[in-house]
Amino acid sequence: MEIIYLLISVSLVVALIFLAAFIWSVKSGQFDDTYGSSVRLLHDDEDDDEEKPKP
């Protein structure tokens, strides 16, 4: 029975740590732009076309 009390207390501490990490990440702006980073690699750089010499 003592192990159950230990496991419940450890799981609550771990859950509070994850909750604190989530709140910190939201406040620091980690989730502000979830779409822009995923498609940034798909956009062509327009500057590359100007640097190439035309035949």
PDB file of N, CA and C in Angstrom:
ATOM      1  N   MET A   1       0.815  -1.195   0.000  1.00  0.00           N
ATOM      2  CA  MET A   1       0.000   0.000   0.000  1.00  0.00           C
ATOM      3  C   MET A   1       0.859   1.260   0.000  1.00  0.00           C
ATOM      4  N   GLU A   2       2.019   1.167   0.615  1.00  0.00           N
ATOM      5  CA  GLU A   2       2.902   2.333   0.664  1.00  0.00           C
ATOM      6  C   GLU A   2       3.431   2.687  -0.722  1.00  0.00           C
ATOM      7  N   ILE A   3       3.624   1.676  -1.556  1.00  0.00           N
ATOM      8  CA  ILE A   3       4.134   1.936  -2.900  1.00  0.00           C
ATOM      9  C   ILE A   3       3.126   2.710  -3.732  1.00  0.00           C
ATOM     10  N   ILE A   4       1.842   2.502  -3.480  1.00  0.00           N
ATOM     11  CA  ILE A   4       0.818   3.247  -4.219  1.00  0.00           C
ATOM     12  C   ILE A   4       0.890   4.730  -3.878  1.00  0.00           C
ATOM     13  N   TYR A   5       1.073   5.032  -2.598  1.00  0.00           N
ATOM     14  CA  TYR A   5       1.208   6.437  -2.195  1.00  0.00           C
ATOM     15  C   TYR A   5       2.449   7.065  -2.826  1.00  0.00           C
ATOM     16  N   LEU A   6       3.516   6.306  -2.893  1.00  0.00           N
ATOM     17  CA  LEU A   6       4.744   6.809  -3.508  1.00  0.00           C
ATOM     18  C   LEU A   6       4.547   7.035  -5.002  1.00  0.00           C
ATOM     19  N   LEU A   7       3.928   6.089  -5.686  1.00  0.00           N
ATOM     20  CA  LEU A   7       3.723   6.222  -7.127  1.00  0.00           C
ATOM     21  C   LEU A   7       2.774   7.368  -7.465  1.00  0.00           C
ATOM     22  N   ILE A   8       1.748   7.550  -6.661  1.00  0.00           N
ATOM     23  CA  ILE A   8       0.818   8.662  -6.907  1.00  0.00           C
ATOM     24  C   ILE A   8       1.515   9.994  -6.698  1.00  0.00           C
ATOM     25  N   SER A   9       2.314  10.101  -5.661  1.00  0.00           N
ATOM     26  CA  SER A   9       3.005  11.369  -5.415  1.00  0.00           C
ATOM     27  C   SER A   9       4.048  11.655  -6.493  1.00  0.00           C
ATOM     28  N   VAL A  10       4.757  10.632  -6.945  1.00  0.00           N
ATOM     29  CA  VAL A  10       5.748  10.828  -8.008  1.00  0.00           C
ATOM     30  C   VAL A  10       5.058  11.209  -9.313  1.00  0.00           C
ATOM     31  N   SER A  11       3.944  10.577  -9.616  1.00  0.00           N
ATOM     32  CA  SER A  11       3.238  10.910 -10.857  1.00  0.00           C
ATOM     33  C   SER A  11       2.661  12.321 -10.806  1.00  0.00           C
ATOM     34  N   LEU A  12       2.217  12.770  -9.647  1.00  0.00           N
ATOM     35  CA  LEU A  12       1.735  14.146  -9.528  1.00  0.00           C
ATOM     36  C   LEU A  12       2.862  15.156  -9.705  1.00  0.00           C
ATOM     37  N   VAL A  13       4.030  14.845  -9.180  1.00  0.00           N
ATOM     38  CA  VAL A  13       5.180  15.742  -9.349  1.00  0.00           C
ATOM     39  C   VAL A  13       5.581  15.818 -10.818  1.00  0.00           C
ATOM     40  N   VAL A  14       5.611  14.685 -11.502  1.00  0.00           N
ATOM     41  CA  VAL A  14       5.960  14.669 -12.928  1.00  0.00           C
ATOM     42  C   VAL A  14       4.918  15.430 -13.741  1.00  0.00           C
ATOM     43  N   ALA A  15       3.643  15.262 -13.405  1.00  0.00           N
ATOM     44  CA  ALA A  15       2.586  15.984 -14.115  1.00  0.00           C
ATOM     45  C   ALA A  15       2.709  17.486 -13.896  1.00  0.00           C
ATOM     46  N   LEU A  16       3.052  17.907 -12.698  1.00  0.00           N
ATOM     47  CA  LEU A  16       3.236  19.338 -12.429  1.00  0.00           C
ATOM     48  C   LEU A  16       4.439  19.899 -13.178  1.00  0.00           C
ATOM     49  N   ILE A  17       5.480  19.099 -13.333  1.00  0.00           N
ATOM     50  CA  ILE A  17       6.648  19.548 -14.099  1.00  0.00           C
ATOM     51  C   ILE A  17       6.277  19.738 -15.564  1.00  0.00           C
ATOM     52  N   PHE A  18       5.528  18.803 -16.130  1.00  0.00           N
ATOM     53  CA  PHE A  18       5.099  18.942 -17.523  1.00  0.00           C
ATOM     54  C   PHE A  18       4.147  20.116 -17.698  1.00  0.00           C
ATOM     55  N   LEU A  19       3.278  20.345 -16.728  1.00  0.00           N
ATOM     56  CA  LEU A  19       2.373  21.489 -16.796  1.00  0.00           C
ATOM     57  C   LEU A  19       3.145  22.797 -16.736  1.00  0.00           C
ATOM     58  N   ALA A  20       4.141  22.871 -15.875  1.00  0.00           N
ATOM     59  CA  ALA A  20       4.961  24.078 -15.785  1.00  0.00           C
ATOM     60  C   ALA A  20       5.742  24.307 -17.075  1.00  0.00           C
ATOM     61  N   ALA A  21       6.252  23.241 -17.682  1.00  0.00           N
ATOM     62  CA  ALA A  21       6.978  23.377 -18.947  1.00  0.00           C
ATOM     63  C   ALA A  21       6.054  23.841 -20.060  1.00  0.00           C
ATOM     64  N   PHE A  22       4.832  23.350 -20.082  1.00  0.00           N
ATOM     65  CA  PHE A  22       3.874  23.773 -21.096  1.00  0.00           C
ATOM     66  C   PHE A  22       3.494  25.240 -20.919  1.00  0.00           C
ATOM     67  N   ILE A  23       3.234  25.651 -19.692  1.00  0.00           N
ATOM     68  CA  ILE A  23       2.879  27.054 -19.432  1.00  0.00           C
ATOM     69  C   ILE A  23       4.041  27.968 -19.793  1.00  0.00           C
ATOM     70  N   TRP A  24       5.268  27.557 -19.477  1.00  0.00           N
ATOM     71  CA  TRP A  24       6.430  28.368 -19.829  1.00  0.00           C
ATOM     72  C   TRP A  24       6.570  28.491 -21.346  1.00  0.00           C
ATOM     73  N   SER A  25       6.347  27.402 -22.072  1.00  0.00           N
ATOM     74  CA  SER A  25       6.505  27.453 -23.526  1.00  0.00           C
ATOM     75  C   SER A  25       5.430  28.311 -24.174  1.00  0.00           C
ATOM     76  N   VAL A  26       4.229  28.314 -23.635  1.00  0.00           N
ATOM     77  CA  VAL A  26       3.172  29.163 -24.185  1.00  0.00           C
ATOM     78  C   VAL A  26       3.474  30.629 -23.905  1.00  0.00           C
ATOM     79  N   LYS A  27       3.934  30.936 -22.705  1.00  0.00           N
ATOM     80  CA  LYS A  27       4.229  32.331 -22.353  1.00  0.00           C
ATOM     81  C   LYS A  27       5.442  32.873 -23.098  1.00  0.00           C
ATOM     82  N   SER A  28       6.390  32.005 -23.438  1.00  0.00           N
ATOM     83  CA  SER A  28       7.586  32.483 -24.130  1.00  0.00           C
ATOM     84  C   SER A  28       7.405  32.551 -25.638  1.00  0.00           C
ATOM     85  N   GLY A  29       6.233  32.170 -26.149  1.00  0.00           N
ATOM     86  CA  GLY A  29       5.944  32.337 -27.563  1.00  0.00           C
ATOM     87  C   GLY A  29       6.344  31.180 -28.444  1.00  0.00           C
ATOM     88  N   GLN A  30       6.497  30.006 -27.904  1.00  0.00           N
ATOM     89  CA  GLN A  30       6.890  28.856 -28.707  1.00  0.00           C
ATOM     90  C   GLN A  30       5.799  28.416 -29.677  1.00  0.00           C
ATOM     91  N   PHE A  31       4.544  28.711 -29.370  1.00  0.00           N
ATOM     92  CA  PHE A  31       3.431  28.262 -30.196  1.00  0.00           C
ATOM     93  C   PHE A  31       2.781  29.412 -30.955  1.00  0.00           C
ATOM     94  N   ASP A  32       3.487  30.514 -31.150  1.00  0.00           N
ATOM     95  CA  ASP A  32       2.900  31.656 -31.846  1.00  0.00           C
ATOM     96  C   ASP A  32       2.668  31.366 -33.323  1.00  0.00           C
ATOM     97  N   ASP A  33       3.655  30.800 -33.996  1.00  0.00           N
ATOM     98  CA  ASP A  33       3.544  30.534 -35.430  1.00  0.00           C
ATOM     99  C   ASP A  33       3.838  29.062 -35.680  1.00  0.00           C
ATOM    100  N   THR A  34       2.815  28.243 -35.634  1.00  0.00           N
ATOM    101  CA  THR A  34       3.032  26.811 -35.842  1.00  0.00           C
ATOM    102  C   THR A  34       3.014  26.439 -37.319  1.00  0.00           C
ATOM    103  N   TYR A  35       2.522  27.310 -38.180  1.00  0.00           N
ATOM    104  CA  TYR A  35       2.414  26.987 -39.600  1.00  0.00           C
ATOM    105  C   TYR A  35       3.613  27.488 -40.400  1.00  0.00           C
ATOM    106  N   GLY A  36       4.166  28.620 -40.058  1.00  0.00           N
ATOM    107  CA  GLY A  36       5.224  29.240 -40.851  1.00  0.00           C
ATOM    108  C   GLY A  36       6.489  28.413 -40.948  1.00  0.00           C
ATOM    109  N   SER A  37       6.908  27.799 -39.859  1.00  0.00           N
ATOM    110  CA  SER A  37       8.143  27.028 -39.895  1.00  0.00           C
ATOM    111  C   SER A  37       8.009  25.766 -40.722  1.00  0.00           C
ATOM    112  N   SER A  38       6.820  25.209 -40.781  1.00  0.00           N
ATOM    113  CA  SER A  38       6.673  23.947 -41.504  1.00  0.00           C
ATOM    114  C   SER A  38       6.708  24.129 -43.013  1.00  0.00           C
ATOM    115  N   VAL A  39       6.352  25.293 -43.520  1.00  0.00           N
ATOM    116  CA  VAL A  39       6.345  25.503 -44.965  1.00  0.00           C
ATOM    117  C   VAL A  39       7.455  26.443 -45.427  1.00  0.00           C
ATOM    118  N   ARG A  40       8.318  26.844 -44.534  1.00  0.00           N
ATOM    119  CA  ARG A  40       9.396  27.766 -44.899  1.00  0.00           C
ATOM    120  C   ARG A  40      10.342  27.144 -45.916  1.00  0.00           C
ATOM    121  N   LEU A  41      10.579  25.846 -45.813  1.00  0.00           N
ATOM    122  CA  LEU A  41      11.483  25.182 -46.749  1.00  0.00           C
ATOM    123  C   LEU A  41      10.868  25.004 -48.125  1.00  0.00           C
ATOM    124  N   LEU A  42       9.563  25.074 -48.227  1.00  0.00           N
ATOM    125  CA  LEU A  42       8.907  24.852 -49.508  1.00  0.00           C
ATOM    126  C   LEU A  42       8.879  26.097 -50.388  1.00  0.00           C
ATOM    127  N   HIS A  43       9.069  27.254 -49.812  1.00  0.00           N
ATOM    128  CA  HIS A  43       9.043  28.494 -50.587  1.00  0.00           C
ATOM    129  C   HIS A  43      10.359  28.678 -51.337  1.00  0.00           C
ATOM    130  N   ASP A  44      10.251  29.104 -52.582  1.00  0.00           N
ATOM    131  CA  ASP A  44      11.441  29.364 -53.377  1.00  0.00           C
ATOM    132  C   ASP A  44      12.036  30.701 -52.985  1.00  0.00           C
ATOM    133  N   ASP A  45      13.353  30.759 -53.023  1.00  0.00           N
ATOM    134  CA  ASP A  45      14.030  32.026 -52.798  1.00  0.00           C
ATOM    135  C   ASP A  45      14.039  32.796 -54.104  1.00  0.00           C
ATOM    136  N   GLU A  46      13.507  33.978 -54.093  1.00  0.00           N
ATOM    137  CA  GLU A  46      13.448  34.778 -55.315  1.00  0.00           C
ATOM    138  C   GLU A  46      14.786  35.426 -55.624  1.00  0.00           C
ATOM    139  N   ASP A  47      15.661  35.542 -54.647  1.00  0.00           N
ATOM    140  CA  ASP A  47      16.968  36.145 -54.873  1.00  0.00           C
ATOM    141  C   ASP A  47      17.870  35.241 -55.699  1.00  0.00           C
ATOM    142  N   ASP A  48      17.651  33.937 -55.662  1.00  0.00           N
ATOM    143  CA  ASP A  48      18.495  33.011 -56.413  1.00  0.00           C
ATOM    144  C   ASP A  48      18.356  33.207 -57.921  1.00  0.00           C
ATOM    145  N   ASP A  49      17.169  33.577 -58.392  1.00  0.00           N
ATOM    146  CA  ASP A  49      16.961  33.767 -59.823  1.00  0.00           C
ATOM    147  C   ASP A  49      17.724  34.982 -60.341  1.00  0.00           C
ATOM    148  N   GLU A  50      17.865  36.000 -59.531  1.00  0.00           N
ATOM    149  CA  GLU A  50      18.550  37.217 -59.968  1.00  0.00           C
ATOM    150  C   GLU A  50      20.056  37.027 -60.026  1.00  0.00           C
ATOM    151  N   GLU A  51      20.598  36.147 -59.188  1.00  0.00           N
ATOM    152  CA  GLU A  51      22.041  35.968 -59.143  1.00  0.00           C
ATOM    153  C   GLU A  51      22.563  35.092 -60.274  1.00  0.00           C
ATOM    154  N   LYS A  52      21.723  34.262 -60.867  1.00  0.00           N
ATOM    155  CA  LYS A  52      22.171  33.374 -61.935  1.00  0.00           C
ATOM    156  C   LYS A  52      22.347  34.168 -63.226  1.00  0.00           C
ATOM    157  N   PRO A  53      23.459  33.964 -63.905  1.00  0.00           N
ATOM    158  CA  PRO A  53      23.636  34.652 -65.193  1.00  0.00           C
ATOM    159  C   PRO A  53      22.726  34.041 -66.254  1.00  0.00           C
ATOM    160  N   LYS A  54      22.162  34.883 -67.062  1.00  0.00           N
ATOM    161  CA  LYS A  54      21.266  34.404 -68.116  1.00  0.00           C
ATOM    162  C   LYS A  54      22.069  34.151 -69.380  1.00  0.00           C
ATOM    163  N   PRO A  55      21.852  33.006 -70.023  1.00  0.00           N
ATOM    164  CA  PRO A  55      22.643  32.682 -71.230  1.00  0.00           C
ATOM    165  C   PRO A  55      22.231  33.481 -72.434  1.00  0.00           C
TER     166      PRO A  55
END
